[in-house]
């Protein structure tokens, strides 16, 4: 389906309402999801083995993937794919190492005391990698490398088994290539529950990361607080801002690249009627019978396009305009921004090095893409002295007493007694 708006014939209110509609992915935690979670909590491995049989049609004897299966997986992956995977790993590792190098603790010094801020990795990270519709092995790199680079001591990976009882070989090889060998054959909401509570086999994680379908995402929502979660990811999507300088062919395939995801959608904001017409015709020709959700909005100017894009707060934002950097500078809400004719989202998804696990469906207003920071906690150490208490103690007592916290005040006062 291609939906088209012409700004001169459409009110801003109508466009805003449509954006709200496509952004509104209802994450309702159903009784069925709660039932699965509670069963895993109470029965552990037994529940996971049962659900593997019910949902994955896999009759498993054990949950952990043995080392020989990981080693064997390489034989099922084309050598050219393995070489490309190695190049991607190099780029993703280099980017996230630079990210880690720029996350520094610091010391705040004041009269008579100091505060030291430090960063500490979580002990156990659980990664969820979808494998039902397609083996998203690139997501192994995007979730696993930041965790490893952050210094997480134990990184475990869960992915649904196929009907033969094995995890997709591309996922196994990808995990092994970055040093993750603790892999379990578990999918769906039950995988998130296993990481939240721990089972006889699977460790309780401190943080769960990685995208999934509606069931695993609803489980993350329900279990937030029991376990840390990275974000609530919905269907993949892209917004493009383009003017008459853009190549229509590039736009067509950038839109289709996201629209081919299950429930994915794509939005084009353009100042050019000619470009809009060419893109509409090209998408219809290229997509054939494929079910897609593409929206084209012809805007009066680039400022309007920026306003709509910030309202949409897209997962991916592509800007192909004259002086694209100027347009990008005006963007306040986007998971990732790609500028110019030669920065397709697919390049960022697989090879460039930045992370492709990004906030979706308007959540870029308050979420960021996955990073090394997601696997780090920060704490601060306050180290006071007698001089500091004498200098700031009286004011501390005033504030504590004003809130009616007399023992807070007294805990400071007793340190000032001669």
Protein backbone atom coordinates (compact mmCIF):
# COMPACT_ATOMS: atom_id res chain seq x y z
CA UNK A 1 0.00 0.00 0.00
CA UNK A 2 1.28 3.47 -0.94
CA UNK A 3 -0.38 6.40 0.78
CA UNK A 4 0.18 9.90 -0.57
CA UNK A 5 -0.31 13.34 0.99
CA UNK A 6 0.11 16.66 -0.78
CA UNK A 7 0.85 19.27 1.86
CA UNK A 8 -1.08 22.04 0.12
CA UNK A 9 -4.21 19.86 0.21
CA UNK A 10 -3.68 18.38 3.67
CA UNK A 11 -3.65 20.03 7.08
CA UNK A 12 -0.73 19.59 9.46
CA UNK A 13 -3.23 18.14 11.94
CA UNK A 14 -4.15 15.36 9.49
CA UNK A 15 -0.49 14.53 8.88
CA UNK A 16 0.26 14.52 12.62
CA UNK A 17 -2.70 12.22 13.23
CA UNK A 18 -1.45 9.81 10.57
CA UNK A 19 2.06 9.78 12.09
CA UNK A 20 0.59 9.08 15.52
CA UNK A 21 -1.33 6.19 13.99
CA UNK A 22 1.69 4.50 12.38
CA UNK A 23 3.82 5.13 15.46
CA UNK A 24 1.23 3.62 17.79
CA UNK A 25 2.34 0.02 18.27
CA UNK A 26 0.26 -1.33 21.12
CA UNK A 27 2.40 -3.36 23.48
CA UNK A 28 -0.36 -4.94 25.51
CA UNK A 29 0.84 -7.62 27.88
CA UNK A 30 -1.69 -10.36 27.33
CA UNK A 31 -2.77 -13.04 29.86
CA UNK A 32 -1.08 -15.62 27.63
CA UNK A 33 2.29 -13.84 27.92
CA UNK A 34 1.92 -13.58 31.70
CA UNK A 35 1.07 -17.28 31.84
CA UNK A 36 4.23 -18.18 29.90
CA UNK A 37 6.36 -15.96 32.14
CA UNK A 38 4.93 -17.43 35.34
CA UNK A 39 5.37 -20.99 34.11
CA UNK A 40 9.03 -20.35 33.32
CA UNK A 41 9.46 -18.69 36.71
CA UNK A 42 7.97 -21.69 38.52
CA UNK A 43 9.12 -24.62 36.37
CA UNK A 44 12.35 -23.40 34.79
CA UNK A 45 13.92 -25.68 32.20
CA UNK A 46 10.90 -27.98 32.06
CA UNK A 47 8.70 -25.12 30.87
CA UNK A 48 11.27 -24.06 28.28
CA UNK A 49 11.51 -27.57 26.85
CA UNK A 50 7.73 -27.78 26.69
CA UNK A 51 7.39 -24.43 24.92
CA UNK A 52 10.10 -25.42 22.42
CA UNK A 53 7.91 -28.35 21.46
CA UNK A 54 4.71 -26.26 21.30
CA UNK A 55 5.94 -23.09 19.58
CA UNK A 56 9.10 -24.15 17.72
CA UNK A 57 8.05 -27.73 16.91
CA UNK A 58 11.44 -28.79 18.30
CA UNK A 59 11.81 -31.82 20.56
CA UNK A 60 14.84 -30.82 22.64
CA UNK A 61 16.76 -32.97 25.09
CA UNK A 62 18.83 -30.05 26.35
CA UNK A 63 18.75 -26.27 26.08
CA UNK A 64 22.43 -25.44 25.75
CA UNK A 65 24.01 -25.62 22.31
CA UNK A 66 27.01 -27.98 22.52
CA UNK A 67 30.45 -26.85 21.37
CA UNK A 68 30.50 -29.36 18.51
CA UNK A 69 27.28 -27.85 17.08
CA UNK A 70 28.86 -24.39 17.08
CA UNK A 71 31.95 -25.73 15.33
CA UNK A 72 29.82 -27.60 12.80
CA UNK A 73 27.81 -24.45 12.02
CA UNK A 74 30.71 -22.93 10.07
CA UNK A 75 30.31 -25.62 7.42
CA UNK A 76 26.80 -24.34 6.66
CA UNK A 77 27.89 -20.75 6.10
CA UNK A 78 29.26 -19.67 2.73
CA UNK A 79 32.93 -18.62 2.88
CA UNK A 80 32.21 -15.28 1.22
CA UNK A 81 29.63 -14.58 3.94
CA UNK A 82 32.18 -15.46 6.64
CA UNK A 83 34.69 -13.04 5.11
CA UNK A 84 32.09 -10.27 4.98
CA UNK A 85 31.15 -11.03 8.59
CA UNK A 86 34.80 -10.60 9.63
CA UNK A 87 34.96 -7.17 7.96
CA UNK A 88 31.75 -6.12 9.67
CA UNK A 89 33.11 -7.28 13.03
CA UNK A 90 36.25 -5.20 12.54
CA UNK A 91 34.25 -2.03 11.85
CA UNK A 92 31.67 -2.58 14.61
CA UNK A 93 34.40 -3.43 17.12
CA UNK A 94 36.45 -0.34 16.20
CA UNK A 95 33.46 2.00 16.51
CA UNK A 96 32.38 0.63 19.89
CA UNK A 97 35.96 0.60 21.24
CA UNK A 98 36.12 4.30 20.42
CA UNK A 99 32.76 4.72 22.15
CA UNK A 100 34.13 2.99 25.26
CA UNK A 101 37.27 5.14 25.21
CA UNK A 102 35.07 8.24 25.41
CA UNK A 103 33.12 7.00 28.45
CA UNK A 104 35.35 8.25 31.21
CA UNK A 105 35.01 8.50 34.96
CA UNK A 106 35.86 11.83 36.52
CA UNK A 107 36.52 13.54 39.85
CA UNK A 108 34.63 16.61 41.06
CA UNK A 109 36.66 18.51 43.62
CA UNK A 110 35.17 21.02 46.06
CA UNK A 111 36.24 22.56 49.38
CA UNK A 112 36.87 19.72 51.80
CA UNK A 113 35.42 16.86 49.73
CA UNK A 114 35.45 15.16 46.36
CA UNK A 115 33.07 13.02 44.27
CA UNK A 116 34.42 10.32 41.98
CA UNK A 117 32.16 8.98 39.23
CA UNK A 118 33.00 5.51 37.96
CA UNK A 119 31.54 3.12 35.41
CA UNK A 120 31.06 -0.59 36.14
CA UNK A 121 29.92 -3.27 33.67
CA UNK A 122 26.97 -5.49 34.57
CA UNK A 123 27.97 -9.02 35.60
CA UNK A 124 25.74 -10.98 33.22
CA UNK A 125 24.22 -9.80 29.93
CA UNK A 126 21.58 -11.84 28.14
CA UNK A 127 21.22 -11.33 24.41
CA UNK A 128 18.06 -12.28 22.53
CA UNK A 129 18.53 -12.90 18.82
CA UNK A 130 15.46 -13.61 16.65
CA UNK A 131 15.73 -16.58 14.35
CA UNK A 132 12.20 -17.43 13.27
CA UNK A 133 11.56 -15.55 10.01
CA UNK A 134 15.24 -14.99 9.22
CA UNK A 135 18.49 -15.64 11.10
CA UNK A 136 19.46 -12.09 12.08
CA UNK A 137 23.12 -12.89 12.62
CA UNK A 138 24.16 -9.26 12.14
CA UNK A 139 22.28 -8.49 15.36
CA UNK A 140 24.63 -10.86 17.18
CA UNK A 141 27.46 -8.43 16.38
CA UNK A 142 25.40 -5.37 17.32
CA UNK A 143 24.32 -6.73 20.70
CA UNK A 144 27.35 -8.86 21.56
CA UNK A 145 30.28 -6.58 20.74
CA UNK A 146 29.12 -3.62 22.90
CA UNK A 147 28.61 -6.02 25.82
CA UNK A 148 32.05 -7.55 25.38
CA UNK A 149 33.75 -4.18 24.93
CA UNK A 150 31.96 -2.82 28.01
CA UNK A 151 33.71 -5.56 29.99
CA UNK A 152 30.72 -7.76 30.85
CA UNK A 153 32.08 -10.90 32.51
CA UNK A 154 29.47 -13.31 31.17
CA UNK A 155 27.54 -12.85 27.94
CA UNK A 156 24.91 -15.47 27.09
CA UNK A 157 22.84 -15.69 23.93
CA UNK A 158 19.34 -17.09 23.47
CA UNK A 159 17.80 -17.78 20.08
CA UNK A 160 14.84 -19.95 19.06
CA UNK A 161 15.53 -23.45 17.74
CA UNK A 162 14.36 -24.44 14.30
CA UNK A 163 12.19 -27.53 13.81
CA UNK A 164 15.34 -29.70 13.74
CA UNK A 165 16.19 -28.51 17.24
CA UNK A 166 19.21 -26.43 16.20
CA UNK A 167 19.81 -22.69 16.27
CA UNK A 168 20.44 -21.21 12.82
CA UNK A 169 24.08 -21.87 11.83
CA UNK A 170 24.71 -18.24 10.83
CA UNK A 171 23.80 -17.15 14.37
CA UNK A 172 26.04 -19.81 15.93
CA UNK A 173 28.99 -18.86 13.74
CA UNK A 174 28.47 -15.13 14.34
CA UNK A 175 28.39 -15.65 18.11
CA UNK A 176 31.51 -17.80 18.10
CA UNK A 177 33.38 -15.26 15.95
CA UNK A 178 33.02 -12.63 18.68
CA UNK A 179 33.73 -14.98 21.57
CA UNK A 180 30.21 -15.89 22.72
CA UNK A 181 29.96 -19.65 23.21
CA UNK A 182 27.26 -19.90 25.89
CA UNK A 183 24.21 -20.26 23.65
CA UNK A 184 20.75 -21.59 24.49
CA UNK A 185 17.93 -22.83 22.27
CA UNK A 186 15.07 -20.71 23.58
CA UNK A 187 12.80 -18.20 21.85
CA UNK A 188 9.89 -15.87 22.44
CA UNK A 189 8.55 -14.55 25.73
CA UNK A 190 9.89 -17.63 27.49
CA UNK A 191 13.46 -16.61 26.60
CA UNK A 192 13.06 -13.21 28.25
CA UNK A 193 11.49 -14.86 31.31
CA UNK A 194 14.39 -17.32 31.55
CA UNK A 195 16.89 -14.45 31.56
CA UNK A 196 14.82 -12.46 34.06
CA UNK A 197 14.49 -15.25 36.64
CA UNK A 198 17.18 -17.75 35.74
CA UNK A 199 16.49 -21.49 35.41
CA UNK A 200 18.36 -24.66 36.28
CA UNK A 201 20.45 -24.16 33.12
CA UNK A 202 20.20 -20.50 32.12
CA UNK A 203 21.69 -17.80 34.38
CA UNK A 204 19.68 -14.87 35.69
CA UNK A 205 20.84 -11.84 33.70
CA UNK A 206 21.31 -8.29 34.92
CA UNK A 207 20.47 -6.81 31.51
CA UNK A 208 18.60 -8.16 28.48
CA UNK A 209 19.30 -6.70 25.05
CA UNK A 210 18.27 -7.43 21.49
CA UNK A 211 15.13 -6.96 19.39
CA UNK A 212 12.41 -9.56 18.93
CA UNK A 213 8.82 -10.10 17.90
CA UNK A 214 5.77 -8.75 19.72
CA UNK A 215 5.84 -11.60 22.27
CA UNK A 216 9.43 -11.13 23.44
CA UNK A 217 8.93 -7.36 23.44
CA UNK A 218 5.79 -7.61 25.58
CA UNK A 219 7.71 -9.89 27.94
CA UNK A 220 10.46 -7.26 28.22
CA UNK A 221 7.85 -4.66 29.07
CA UNK A 222 6.26 -6.86 31.75
CA UNK A 223 9.58 -7.89 33.29
CA UNK A 224 11.21 -4.46 33.28
CA UNK A 225 12.38 -3.90 36.82
CA UNK A 226 12.90 -7.59 37.45
CA UNK A 227 15.64 -7.40 34.84
CA UNK A 228 17.17 -4.45 33.01
CA UNK A 229 16.10 -4.09 29.37
CA UNK A 230 17.63 -2.09 26.54
CA UNK A 231 14.43 -0.82 24.89
CA UNK A 232 11.04 -1.89 23.57
CA UNK A 233 11.63 -2.36 19.86
CA UNK A 234 8.79 -2.39 17.36
CA UNK A 235 8.75 -3.02 13.60
CA UNK A 236 11.58 -1.53 11.56
CA UNK A 237 10.96 1.79 9.80
CA UNK A 238 12.60 4.62 7.88
CA UNK A 239 11.87 8.26 7.10
CA UNK A 240 13.52 9.99 4.15
CA UNK A 241 13.84 13.72 3.53
CA UNK A 242 14.66 14.43 -0.11
CA UNK A 243 14.65 17.29 -2.58
CA UNK A 244 15.11 17.49 -6.34
CA UNK A 245 18.83 16.66 -6.04
CA UNK A 246 18.08 13.10 -4.85
CA UNK A 247 18.37 10.10 -7.15
CA UNK A 248 14.87 8.50 -7.33
CA UNK A 249 16.32 5.00 -7.67
CA UNK A 250 18.19 5.36 -4.38
CA UNK A 251 15.02 6.58 -2.66
CA UNK A 252 12.94 3.70 -4.04
CA UNK A 253 15.20 1.02 -2.64
CA UNK A 254 15.82 2.80 0.67
CA UNK A 255 12.06 2.82 1.21
CA UNK A 256 11.60 -0.79 0.13
CA UNK A 257 14.54 -1.96 2.26
CA UNK A 258 12.62 -1.13 5.44
CA UNK A 259 9.16 -1.88 4.08
CA UNK A 260 10.26 -5.49 3.41
CA UNK A 261 10.54 -6.09 7.17
CA UNK A 262 7.45 -7.69 8.72
CA UNK A 263 5.10 -4.79 9.60
CA UNK A 264 7.83 -2.37 8.53
CA UNK A 265 6.88 1.03 7.19
CA UNK A 266 8.56 3.81 5.22
CA UNK A 267 7.88 7.54 4.94
CA UNK A 268 9.15 9.92 2.24
CA UNK A 269 9.05 13.67 2.85
CA UNK A 270 9.94 15.54 -0.32
CA UNK A 271 9.75 19.06 -1.72
CA UNK A 272 9.71 17.69 -5.28
CA UNK A 273 6.50 16.62 -7.02
CA UNK A 274 8.63 15.15 -9.83
CA UNK A 275 10.61 13.00 -7.38
CA UNK A 276 7.43 11.87 -5.60
CA UNK A 277 5.86 10.73 -8.88
CA UNK A 278 9.01 8.86 -9.97
CA UNK A 279 9.36 7.16 -6.60
CA UNK A 280 5.70 6.12 -6.50
CA UNK A 281 5.92 4.54 -9.97
CA UNK A 282 9.26 2.89 -9.17
CA UNK A 283 8.02 1.34 -5.92
CA UNK A 284 4.96 -0.14 -7.61
CA UNK A 285 7.15 -1.65 -10.33
CA UNK A 286 9.82 -3.01 -7.96
CA UNK A 287 7.54 -4.28 -5.19
CA UNK A 288 5.24 -6.28 -7.42
CA UNK A 289 2.86 -8.27 -5.20
CA UNK A 290 4.87 -7.67 -2.01
CA UNK A 291 2.77 -6.19 0.78
CA UNK A 292 4.34 -2.90 1.77
CA UNK A 293 3.48 0.20 3.76
CA UNK A 294 4.93 3.33 2.17
CA UNK A 295 3.78 6.92 2.67
CA UNK A 296 4.77 9.85 0.48
CA UNK A 297 4.25 13.43 1.68
CA UNK A 298 4.93 16.34 -0.66
CA UNK A 299 5.89 19.22 1.62
CA UNK A 300 6.10 22.93 0.91
CA UNK A 301 9.71 23.27 2.13
CA UNK A 302 12.50 21.48 4.02
CA UNK A 303 11.62 23.21 7.29
CA UNK A 304 8.24 21.49 7.14
CA UNK A 305 9.93 18.18 6.37
CA UNK A 306 12.16 18.61 9.45
CA UNK A 307 9.13 19.40 11.62
CA UNK A 308 7.32 16.26 10.46
CA UNK A 309 10.48 14.12 10.84
CA UNK A 310 10.97 15.31 14.43
CA UNK A 311 7.34 14.47 15.12
CA UNK A 312 7.85 11.00 13.62
CA UNK A 313 11.10 10.46 15.60
CA UNK A 314 12.08 7.64 13.23
CA UNK A 315 14.34 4.68 13.80
CA UNK A 316 16.29 5.52 10.63
CA UNK A 317 16.33 8.96 9.03
CA UNK A 318 17.89 9.38 5.57
CA UNK A 319 18.55 12.92 4.32
CA UNK A 320 19.31 13.33 0.62
CA UNK A 321 19.14 17.04 -0.06
CA UNK A 322 21.37 19.91 -0.99
CA UNK A 323 23.32 20.84 2.18
CA UNK A 324 22.12 17.70 3.96
CA UNK A 325 24.32 18.51 6.97
CA UNK A 326 22.29 21.67 7.60
CA UNK A 327 19.06 19.69 7.56
CA UNK A 328 20.58 17.07 9.87
CA UNK A 329 21.57 19.79 12.35
CA UNK A 330 17.89 20.65 12.78
CA UNK A 331 16.90 17.08 13.63
CA UNK A 332 16.29 16.44 17.33
CA UNK A 333 14.57 13.03 17.24
CA UNK A 334 16.05 10.12 15.29
CA UNK A 335 17.59 6.77 16.18
CA UNK A 336 20.24 7.12 13.46
CA UNK A 337 20.77 9.67 10.68
CA UNK A 338 22.20 8.90 7.22
CA UNK A 339 23.17 11.85 5.00
CA UNK A 340 23.88 12.03 1.29
CA UNK A 341 23.33 9.82 -1.73
CA UNK A 342 25.84 7.19 -0.62
CA UNK A 343 24.69 6.43 2.94
CA UNK A 344 21.96 3.79 2.63
CA UNK A 345 20.51 2.39 5.86
CA UNK A 346 21.62 -1.10 4.82
CA UNK A 347 25.26 0.01 4.95
CA UNK A 348 24.73 1.16 8.53
CA UNK A 349 22.79 -1.99 9.40
CA UNK A 350 25.54 -4.35 8.35
CA UNK A 351 28.94 -2.83 7.79
CA UNK A 352 29.61 0.80 8.79
CA UNK A 353 30.18 0.10 12.49
CA UNK A 354 27.50 2.07 14.33
CA UNK A 355 24.78 0.06 16.04
CA UNK A 356 21.62 -1.01 14.25
CA UNK A 357 19.59 -1.84 17.37
CA UNK A 358 17.68 1.44 17.43
CA UNK A 359 14.56 3.00 18.99
CA UNK A 360 11.48 2.55 16.82
CA UNK A 361 8.00 4.00 16.36
CA UNK A 362 8.56 7.42 17.88
CA UNK A 363 10.60 6.28 20.89
CA UNK A 364 13.67 8.11 19.58
CA UNK A 365 12.17 11.05 21.49
CA UNK A 366 13.58 9.46 24.66
CA UNK A 367 15.56 6.32 23.71
CA UNK A 368 18.92 5.99 21.97
CA UNK A 369 20.47 3.19 19.95
CA UNK A 370 22.18 0.35 21.77
CA UNK A 371 25.72 1.19 22.87
CA UNK A 372 28.48 0.24 25.28
CA UNK A 373 26.68 2.43 27.83
CA UNK A 374 23.76 -0.02 27.92
CA UNK A 375 26.02 -2.55 29.63
CA UNK A 376 27.58 -0.10 32.09
CA UNK A 377 26.26 1.24 35.37
CA UNK A 378 27.68 4.38 36.90
CA UNK A 379 28.09 5.05 40.58
CA UNK A 380 29.68 7.86 42.54
CA UNK A 381 31.92 7.87 45.57
CA UNK A 382 31.61 10.81 47.95
CA UNK A 383 34.72 11.31 50.09
CA UNK A 384 34.28 14.06 52.68
CA UNK A 385 36.58 15.58 55.29
CA UNK A 386 36.11 17.60 58.47
CA UNK A 387 36.77 20.74 56.45
CA UNK A 388 33.95 19.87 54.02
CA UNK A 389 31.47 19.18 56.83
CA UNK A 390 32.33 22.46 58.52
CA UNK A 391 32.01 24.36 55.24
CA UNK A 392 28.71 22.88 53.99
CA UNK A 393 27.24 21.11 57.05
CA UNK A 394 25.16 24.01 58.39
CA UNK A 395 23.38 24.48 55.06
CA UNK A 396 22.84 20.72 54.80
CA UNK A 397 21.13 20.79 58.20
CA UNK A 398 18.93 23.70 57.12
CA UNK A 399 17.73 21.78 54.08
CA UNK A 400 17.14 18.55 56.02
CA UNK A 401 15.18 20.32 58.77
CA UNK A 402 13.09 22.14 56.14
CA UNK A 403 11.98 18.74 54.86
CA UNK A 404 11.26 17.50 58.38
CA UNK A 405 14.14 15.02 58.33
CA UNK A 406 15.56 15.65 61.80
CA UNK A 407 17.88 12.65 61.89
CA UNK A 408 19.28 13.56 58.48
CA UNK A 409 20.20 16.90 60.01
CA UNK A 410 21.53 15.31 63.19
CA UNK A 411 23.77 12.90 61.22
CA UNK A 412 25.57 16.00 59.92
CA UNK A 413 25.43 18.00 63.16
CA UNK A 414 27.11 15.30 65.27
CA UNK A 415 30.10 15.44 62.95
CA UNK A 416 30.45 19.17 63.61
CA UNK A 417 30.44 18.86 67.40
CA UNK A 418 33.65 19.96 69.05
